[in-house]
Amino acid sequence: MTKKRVGVLISGSGSNLQALIEACQQPDFPAEIAVVLSNKADAYGLERAKLVGIPAHVLSHKDFGTRDEYDAELHQMLNRHLVDVVCLAGFMRILSDGFVARWHDAMINIHPSLLPSFKGAHAIRDALAAGVKVTGCSVHFVRAEMDSGPIIAQAAVPVLPGDNESKLAARVLEQEHKIYPLALRLFADGKLTVSDEKVVISAS
C-alpha cells in the first residue's frame, strides 16, 4: 500500500495532530505524516511530532514581509517533503487565495461547529450565545472563504444545561479527534470526490 503523505499545519497544542499521529500509527491506515509545520516556535504540537520522529519545523510569519511570501515558502516546504494532502490542525492564519488554489481539493480543515453555522474563531462561544441545542464539528475541504468548502464529515454534540465555553469545547474536541482521522482515511483511500462543491463518498 502506497500511503498518502500528509503535511500538518499547526499553531498550538496540537491535540488534533495527536489524533492524526495515532491514526497513522495503525498498520492499515492509508496515510503517513511527512512533516509538521508551525508558525509559532512555542507550539507544543512540535514536541508531539518530534516524540515520534516526525520532521517538525517552525516557519514564523514574522520573518516575511507579506502573506504571499510566507505562503510561497510554506508551499515549497510542503513540496520538499513530497506532501500529497495538507491537514490544518489549529493553524491560526488566514491562507492566501493563491496557496488555497494550489492545494485545491487536497487541503482539509477541522472546525468546531456544524458548518455552515458559526464560522470564525469563536464558534463555541457563538453557539452558546445563539442558544442552539446541538452543535458539533466539521471536517471540510478548504476554500478561499474562511470556514467554507465541501464538507467531508460532521459530528453532532448536544448543548447541555449548565454548559459553558470550556465544557462544551471539551466535548466537541472529543468528536474532532474521531472525525478528523476518519476524513483523512476517506481521502487517502481515494473515496472522496467533489461534485458541484459537495463531497461524494464512494462506498467501494
C-alpha atoms as a PDB file:
ATOM      1  CA  MET A   1       0.000   0.000   0.000  1.00  0.00           C
ATOM      2  CA  THR A   2       1.403   3.384  -1.028  1.00  0.00           C
ATOM      3  CA  LYS A   3       0.458   5.741   1.759  1.00  0.00           C
ATOM      4  CA  LYS A   4      -0.542   9.346   1.156  1.00  0.00           C
ATOM      5  CA  ARG A   5       1.968  11.792   2.589  1.00  0.00           C
ATOM      6  CA  VAL A   6       0.424  14.350   4.944  1.00  0.00           C
ATOM      7  CA  GLY A   7       1.649  17.800   5.913  1.00  0.00           C
ATOM      8  CA  VAL A   8       0.066  19.104   9.123  1.00  0.00           C
ATOM      9  CA  LEU A   9      -0.016  22.839   9.853  1.00  0.00           C
ATOM     10  CA  ILE A  10      -0.374  23.884  13.493  1.00  0.00           C
ATOM     11  CA  SER A  11      -0.126  26.909  15.763  1.00  0.00           C
ATOM     12  CA  GLY A  12      -0.777  25.461  19.220  1.00  0.00           C
ATOM     13  CA  SER A  13      -1.025  22.399  21.423  1.00  0.00           C
ATOM     14  CA  GLY A  14      -1.726  20.001  18.587  1.00  0.00           C
ATOM     15  CA  SER A  15      -4.387  17.743  20.093  1.00  0.00           C
ATOM     16  CA  ASN A  16      -5.877  17.099  16.661  1.00  0.00           C
ATOM     17  CA  LEU A  17      -2.360  16.477  15.381  1.00  0.00           C
ATOM     18  CA  GLN A  18      -2.031  13.847  18.123  1.00  0.00           C
ATOM     19  CA  ALA A  19      -5.232  12.162  16.926  1.00  0.00           C
ATOM     20  CA  LEU A  20      -3.819  12.054  13.394  1.00  0.00           C
ATOM     21  CA  ILE A  21      -0.459  10.734  14.644  1.00  0.00           C
ATOM     22  CA  GLU A  22      -2.172   7.891  16.497  1.00  0.00           C
ATOM     23  CA  ALA A  23      -4.333   7.050  13.473  1.00  0.00           C
ATOM     24  CA  CYS A  24      -1.307   6.989  11.170  1.00  0.00           C
ATOM     25  CA  GLN A  25       0.470   4.611  13.554  1.00  0.00           C
ATOM     26  CA  GLN A  26      -2.116   1.923  12.744  1.00  0.00           C
ATOM     27  CA  PRO A  27      -0.656  -0.509  10.181  1.00  0.00           C
ATOM     28  CA  ASP A  28      -3.714  -0.403   7.927  1.00  0.00           C
ATOM     29  CA  PHE A  29      -4.049   3.397   7.883  1.00  0.00           C
ATOM     30  CA  PRO A  30      -3.537   4.676   4.316  1.00  0.00           C
ATOM     31  CA  ALA A  31      -1.637   7.864   5.219  1.00  0.00           C
ATOM     32  CA  GLU A  32       1.564   8.897   6.989  1.00  0.00           C
ATOM     33  CA  ILE A  33       2.582  12.276   8.375  1.00  0.00           C
ATOM     34  CA  ALA A  34       5.562  13.532   6.385  1.00  0.00           C
ATOM     35  CA  VAL A  35       6.062  16.867   8.128  1.00  0.00           C
ATOM     36  CA  VAL A  36       4.572  19.164  10.772  1.00  0.00           C
ATOM     37  CA  LEU A  37       4.940  22.909  10.273  1.00  0.00           C
ATOM     38  CA  SER A  38       4.117  25.634  12.781  1.00  0.00           C
ATOM     39  CA  ASN A  39       4.090  29.412  12.531  1.00  0.00           C
ATOM     40  CA  LYS A  40       4.838  29.580  16.270  1.00  0.00           C
ATOM     41  CA  ALA A  41       8.019  28.278  17.887  1.00  0.00           C
ATOM     42  CA  ASP A  42       6.315  27.520  21.221  1.00  0.00           C
ATOM     43  CA  ALA A  43       3.585  25.309  19.728  1.00  0.00           C
ATOM     44  CA  TYR A  44       3.511  22.091  21.762  1.00  0.00           C
ATOM     45  CA  GLY A  45       2.445  20.199  18.666  1.00  0.00           C
ATOM     46  CA  LEU A  46       6.071  20.416  17.510  1.00  0.00           C
ATOM     47  CA  GLU A  47       7.082  18.320  20.515  1.00  0.00           C
ATOM     48  CA  ARG A  48       4.328  15.802  19.781  1.00  0.00           C
ATOM     49  CA  ALA A  49       5.805  15.322  16.308  1.00  0.00           C
ATOM     50  CA  LYS A  50       9.408  15.076  17.472  1.00  0.00           C
ATOM     51  CA  LEU A  51       8.487  12.462  20.095  1.00  0.00           C
ATOM     52  CA  VAL A  52       7.513  10.053  17.318  1.00  0.00           C
ATOM     53  CA  GLY A  53      10.224  11.030  14.862  1.00  0.00           C
ATOM     54  CA  ILE A  54       8.176  13.204  12.509  1.00  0.00           C
ATOM     55  CA  PRO A  55      10.095  16.115  10.953  1.00  0.00           C
ATOM     56  CA  ALA A  56       8.845  19.325  12.587  1.00  0.00           C
ATOM     57  CA  HIS A  57       9.786  22.851  11.601  1.00  0.00           C
ATOM     58  CA  VAL A  58       8.961  26.418  12.590  1.00  0.00           C
ATOM     59  CA  LEU A  59       8.162  28.858   9.810  1.00  0.00           C
ATOM     60  CA  SER A  60       7.429  32.150  11.523  1.00  0.00           C
ATOM     61  CA  HIS A  61       5.206  34.573   9.652  1.00  0.00           C
ATOM     62  CA  LYS A  62       7.128  37.370  11.356  1.00  0.00           C
ATOM     63  CA  ASP A  63      10.117  36.596   9.137  1.00  0.00           C
ATOM     64  CA  PHE A  64       8.267  37.503   5.946  1.00  0.00           C
ATOM     65  CA  GLY A  65       7.171  40.852   4.586  1.00  0.00           C
ATOM     66  CA  THR A  66       3.887  39.705   3.071  1.00  0.00           C
ATOM     67  CA  ARG A  67       1.368  36.913   3.396  1.00  0.00           C
ATOM     68  CA  ASP A  68       2.111  35.801  -0.172  1.00  0.00           C
ATOM     69  CA  GLU A  69       5.838  35.481   0.552  1.00  0.00           C
ATOM     70  CA  TYR A  70       5.123  33.414   3.643  1.00  0.00           C
ATOM     71  CA  ASP A  71       2.677  31.155   1.847  1.00  0.00           C
ATOM     72  CA  ALA A  72       5.095  30.657  -1.045  1.00  0.00           C
ATOM     73  CA  GLU A  73       7.745  29.332   1.350  1.00  0.00           C
ATOM     74  CA  LEU A  74       5.134  27.205   3.116  1.00  0.00           C
ATOM     75  CA  HIS A  75       4.205  25.693  -0.242  1.00  0.00           C
ATOM     76  CA  GLN A  76       7.846  24.980  -1.049  1.00  0.00           C
ATOM     77  CA  MET A  77       8.427  23.276   2.304  1.00  0.00           C
ATOM     78  CA  LEU A  78       5.414  21.034   1.778  1.00  0.00           C
ATOM     79  CA  ASN A  79       6.663  20.161  -1.691  1.00  0.00           C
ATOM     80  CA  ARG A  80      10.132  19.359  -0.382  1.00  0.00           C
ATOM     81  CA  HIS A  81       8.532  16.750   1.867  1.00  0.00           C
ATOM     82  CA  LEU A  82       6.524  15.350  -1.070  1.00  0.00           C
ATOM     83  CA  VAL A  83       3.215  16.116   0.639  1.00  0.00           C
ATOM     84  CA  ASP A  84       0.018  14.854  -1.034  1.00  0.00           C
ATOM     85  CA  VAL A  85      -2.532  16.378   1.344  1.00  0.00           C
ATOM     86  CA  VAL A  86      -2.430  19.240   3.846  1.00  0.00           C
ATOM     87  CA  CYS A  87      -4.274  18.993   7.168  1.00  0.00           C
ATOM     88  CA  LEU A  88      -4.917  22.207   9.082  1.00  0.00           C
ATOM     89  CA  ALA A  89      -4.968  21.402  12.801  1.00  0.00           C
ATOM     90  CA  GLY A  90      -5.395  24.647  14.703  1.00  0.00           C
ATOM     91  CA  PHE A  91      -3.340  26.684  12.219  1.00  0.00           C
ATOM     92  CA  MET A  92      -4.317  30.213  13.199  1.00  0.00           C
ATOM     93  CA  ARG A  93      -3.526  32.010   9.975  1.00  0.00           C
ATOM     94  CA  ILE A  94      -5.654  33.010   7.026  1.00  0.00           C
ATOM     95  CA  LEU A  95      -4.090  31.430   3.945  1.00  0.00           C
ATOM     96  CA  SER A  96      -3.778  33.390   0.722  1.00  0.00           C
ATOM     97  CA  ASP A  97      -6.051  32.665  -2.212  1.00  0.00           C
ATOM     98  CA  GLY A  98      -3.049  31.515  -4.220  1.00  0.00           C
ATOM     99  CA  PHE A  99      -1.998  28.954  -1.617  1.00  0.00           C
ATOM    100  CA  VAL A 100      -5.552  27.640  -1.294  1.00  0.00           C
ATOM    101  CA  ALA A 101      -5.766  27.319  -5.084  1.00  0.00           C
ATOM    102  CA  ARG A 102      -2.527  25.317  -5.234  1.00  0.00           C
ATOM    103  CA  TRP A 103      -3.952  22.787  -2.778  1.00  0.00           C
ATOM    104  CA  HIS A 104      -7.488  22.694  -4.195  1.00  0.00           C
ATOM    105  CA  ASP A 105      -9.265  19.514  -3.026  1.00  0.00           C
ATOM    106  CA  ALA A 106      -6.037  18.467  -1.290  1.00  0.00           C
ATOM    107  CA  MET A 107      -6.255  20.549   1.902  1.00  0.00           C
ATOM    108  CA  ILE A 108      -8.668  19.822   4.744  1.00  0.00           C
ATOM    109  CA  ASN A 109      -9.574  21.617   7.955  1.00  0.00           C
ATOM    110  CA  ILE A 110     -11.344  20.819  11.220  1.00  0.00           C
ATOM    111  CA  HIS A 111     -13.758  23.395  12.645  1.00  0.00           C
ATOM    112  CA  PRO A 112     -15.690  23.275  15.969  1.00  0.00           C
ATOM    113  CA  SER A 113     -19.209  23.781  14.629  1.00  0.00           C
ATOM    114  CA  LEU A 114     -21.703  22.186  12.313  1.00  0.00           C
ATOM    115  CA  LEU A 115     -20.831  24.254   9.271  1.00  0.00           C
ATOM    116  CA  PRO A 116     -22.106  26.412   7.690  1.00  0.00           C
ATOM    117  CA  SER A 117     -23.221  27.632  11.129  1.00  0.00           C
ATOM    118  CA  PHE A 118     -20.845  29.526  13.428  1.00  0.00           C
ATOM    119  CA  LYS A 119     -17.828  30.222  11.276  1.00  0.00           C
ATOM    120  CA  GLY A 120     -14.820  32.021  12.704  1.00  0.00           C
ATOM    121  CA  ALA A 121     -12.585  31.832  15.743  1.00  0.00           C
ATOM    122  CA  HIS A 122     -15.326  31.836  18.403  1.00  0.00           C
ATOM    123  CA  ALA A 123     -17.601  29.054  17.176  1.00  0.00           C
ATOM    124  CA  ILE A 124     -18.261  27.519  20.602  1.00  0.00           C
ATOM    125  CA  ARG A 125     -18.998  30.896  22.216  1.00  0.00           C
ATOM    126  CA  ASP A 126     -21.261  31.845  19.320  1.00  0.00           C
ATOM    127  CA  ALA A 127     -23.200  28.576  19.548  1.00  0.00           C
ATOM    128  CA  LEU A 128     -23.832  29.138  23.252  1.00  0.00           C
ATOM    129  CA  ALA A 129     -24.873  32.736  22.638  1.00  0.00           C
ATOM    130  CA  ALA A 130     -27.331  31.622  19.954  1.00  0.00           C
ATOM    131  CA  GLY A 131     -28.976  29.139  22.315  1.00  0.00           C
ATOM    132  CA  VAL A 132     -28.734  26.169  19.945  1.00  0.00           C
ATOM    133  CA  LYS A 133     -29.460  22.752  21.417  1.00  0.00           C
ATOM    134  CA  VAL A 134     -26.993  20.914  19.179  1.00  0.00           C
ATOM    135  CA  THR A 135     -23.615  21.949  17.821  1.00  0.00           C
ATOM    136  CA  GLY A 136     -20.620  19.861  16.802  1.00  0.00           C
ATOM    137  CA  CYS A 137     -17.652  19.811  14.459  1.00  0.00           C
ATOM    138  CA  SER A 138     -16.935  19.551  10.751  1.00  0.00           C
ATOM    139  CA  VAL A 139     -14.077  18.441   8.519  1.00  0.00           C
ATOM    140  CA  HIS A 140     -14.112  20.158   5.145  1.00  0.00           C
ATOM    141  CA  PHE A 141     -12.030  20.881   2.087  1.00  0.00           C
ATOM    142  CA  VAL A 142     -10.531  24.366   2.299  1.00  0.00           C
ATOM    143  CA  ARG A 143     -11.677  27.179   0.063  1.00  0.00           C
ATOM    144  CA  ALA A 144     -10.615  30.833  -0.070  1.00  0.00           C
ATOM    145  CA  GLU A 145     -13.568  31.956   2.048  1.00  0.00           C
ATOM    146  CA  MET A 146     -12.907  31.222   5.723  1.00  0.00           C
ATOM    147  CA  ASP A 147     -14.501  28.044   7.129  1.00  0.00           C
ATOM    148  CA  SER A 148     -16.195  27.214   3.871  1.00  0.00           C
ATOM    149  CA  GLY A 149     -15.768  24.405   1.367  1.00  0.00           C
ATOM    150  CA  PRO A 150     -17.228  20.959   0.713  1.00  0.00           C
ATOM    151  CA  ILE A 151     -17.979  19.110   3.945  1.00  0.00           C
ATOM    152  CA  ILE A 152     -16.414  15.663   4.365  1.00  0.00           C
ATOM    153  CA  ALA A 153     -17.602  14.624   7.838  1.00  0.00           C
ATOM    154  CA  GLN A 154     -19.519  16.043  10.787  1.00  0.00           C
ATOM    155  CA  ALA A 155     -20.343  15.006  14.330  1.00  0.00           C
ATOM    156  CA  ALA A 156     -23.172  16.406  16.438  1.00  0.00           C
ATOM    157  CA  VAL A 157     -22.678  17.355  20.088  1.00  0.00           C
ATOM    158  CA  PRO A 158     -25.638  18.241  22.347  1.00  0.00           C
ATOM    159  CA  VAL A 159     -25.522  21.506  24.258  1.00  0.00           C
ATOM    160  CA  LEU A 160     -26.318  20.613  27.871  1.00  0.00           C
ATOM    161  CA  PRO A 161     -27.885  22.727  30.624  1.00  0.00           C
ATOM    162  CA  GLY A 162     -25.108  24.459  32.536  1.00  0.00           C
ATOM    163  CA  ASP A 163     -22.632  24.277  29.687  1.00  0.00           C
ATOM    164  CA  ASN A 164     -20.015  26.984  29.486  1.00  0.00           C
ATOM    165  CA  GLU A 165     -17.485  27.520  26.719  1.00  0.00           C
ATOM    166  CA  SER A 166     -14.815  25.244  28.177  1.00  0.00           C
ATOM    167  CA  LYS A 167     -17.176  22.360  28.987  1.00  0.00           C
ATOM    168  CA  LEU A 168     -18.771  22.393  25.560  1.00  0.00           C
ATOM    169  CA  ALA A 169     -15.439  22.844  23.790  1.00  0.00           C
ATOM    170  CA  ALA A 170     -14.017  19.773  25.550  1.00  0.00           C
ATOM    171  CA  ARG A 171     -16.873  17.583  24.335  1.00  0.00           C
ATOM    172  CA  VAL A 172     -16.651  18.971  20.813  1.00  0.00           C
ATOM    173  CA  LEU A 173     -12.910  18.290  20.827  1.00  0.00           C
ATOM    174  CA  GLU A 174     -13.528  14.633  21.679  1.00  0.00           C
ATOM    175  CA  GLN A 175     -15.548  14.324  18.489  1.00  0.00           C
ATOM    176  CA  GLU A 176     -12.969  16.251  16.468  1.00  0.00           C
ATOM    177  CA  HIS A 177     -10.408  13.604  17.415  1.00  0.00           C
ATOM    178  CA  LYS A 178     -12.699  10.946  15.941  1.00  0.00           C
ATOM    179  CA  ILE A 179     -13.833  12.521  12.692  1.00  0.00           C
ATOM    180  CA  TYR A 180     -10.538  14.073  11.571  1.00  0.00           C
ATOM    181  CA  PRO A 181      -8.772  10.693  11.223  1.00  0.00           C
ATOM    182  CA  LEU A 182     -11.934   9.325   9.593  1.00  0.00           C
ATOM    183  CA  ALA A 183     -11.929  12.105   6.993  1.00  0.00           C
ATOM    184  CA  LEU A 184      -8.219  11.648   6.301  1.00  0.00           C
ATOM    185  CA  ARG A 185      -8.721   7.912   5.838  1.00  0.00           C
ATOM    186  CA  LEU A 186     -11.510   8.532   3.327  1.00  0.00           C
ATOM    187  CA  PHE A 187      -9.288  10.962   1.421  1.00  0.00           C
ATOM    188  CA  ALA A 188      -6.244   8.701   1.433  1.00  0.00           C
ATOM    189  CA  ASP A 189      -8.318   5.701   0.351  1.00  0.00           C
ATOM    190  CA  GLY A 190      -9.473   7.685  -2.673  1.00  0.00           C
ATOM    191  CA  LYS A 191     -13.096   7.544  -1.588  1.00  0.00           C
ATOM    192  CA  LEU A 192     -13.792  11.287  -1.792  1.00  0.00           C
ATOM    193  CA  THR A 193     -14.791  13.171  -4.904  1.00  0.00           C
ATOM    194  CA  VAL A 194     -16.121  16.718  -5.140  1.00  0.00           C
ATOM    195  CA  SER A 195     -19.067  17.336  -7.420  1.00  0.00           C
ATOM    196  CA  ASP A 196     -20.798  20.729  -7.603  1.00  0.00           C
ATOM    197  CA  GLU A 197     -18.927  21.724  -4.419  1.00  0.00           C
ATOM    198  CA  LYS A 198     -20.346  18.773  -2.481  1.00  0.00           C
ATOM    199  CA  VAL A 199     -18.392  15.748  -1.283  1.00  0.00           C
ATOM    200  CA  VAL A 200     -19.442  12.382  -2.642  1.00  0.00           C
ATOM    201  CA  ILE A 201     -18.192   9.396  -0.620  1.00  0.00           C
ATOM    202  CA  SER A 202     -17.700   6.149  -2.524  1.00  0.00           C
ATOM    203  CA  ALA A 203     -18.926   3.002  -0.832  1.00  0.00           C
ATOM    204  CA  SER A 204     -16.387   0.757  -2.580  1.00  0.00           C
END
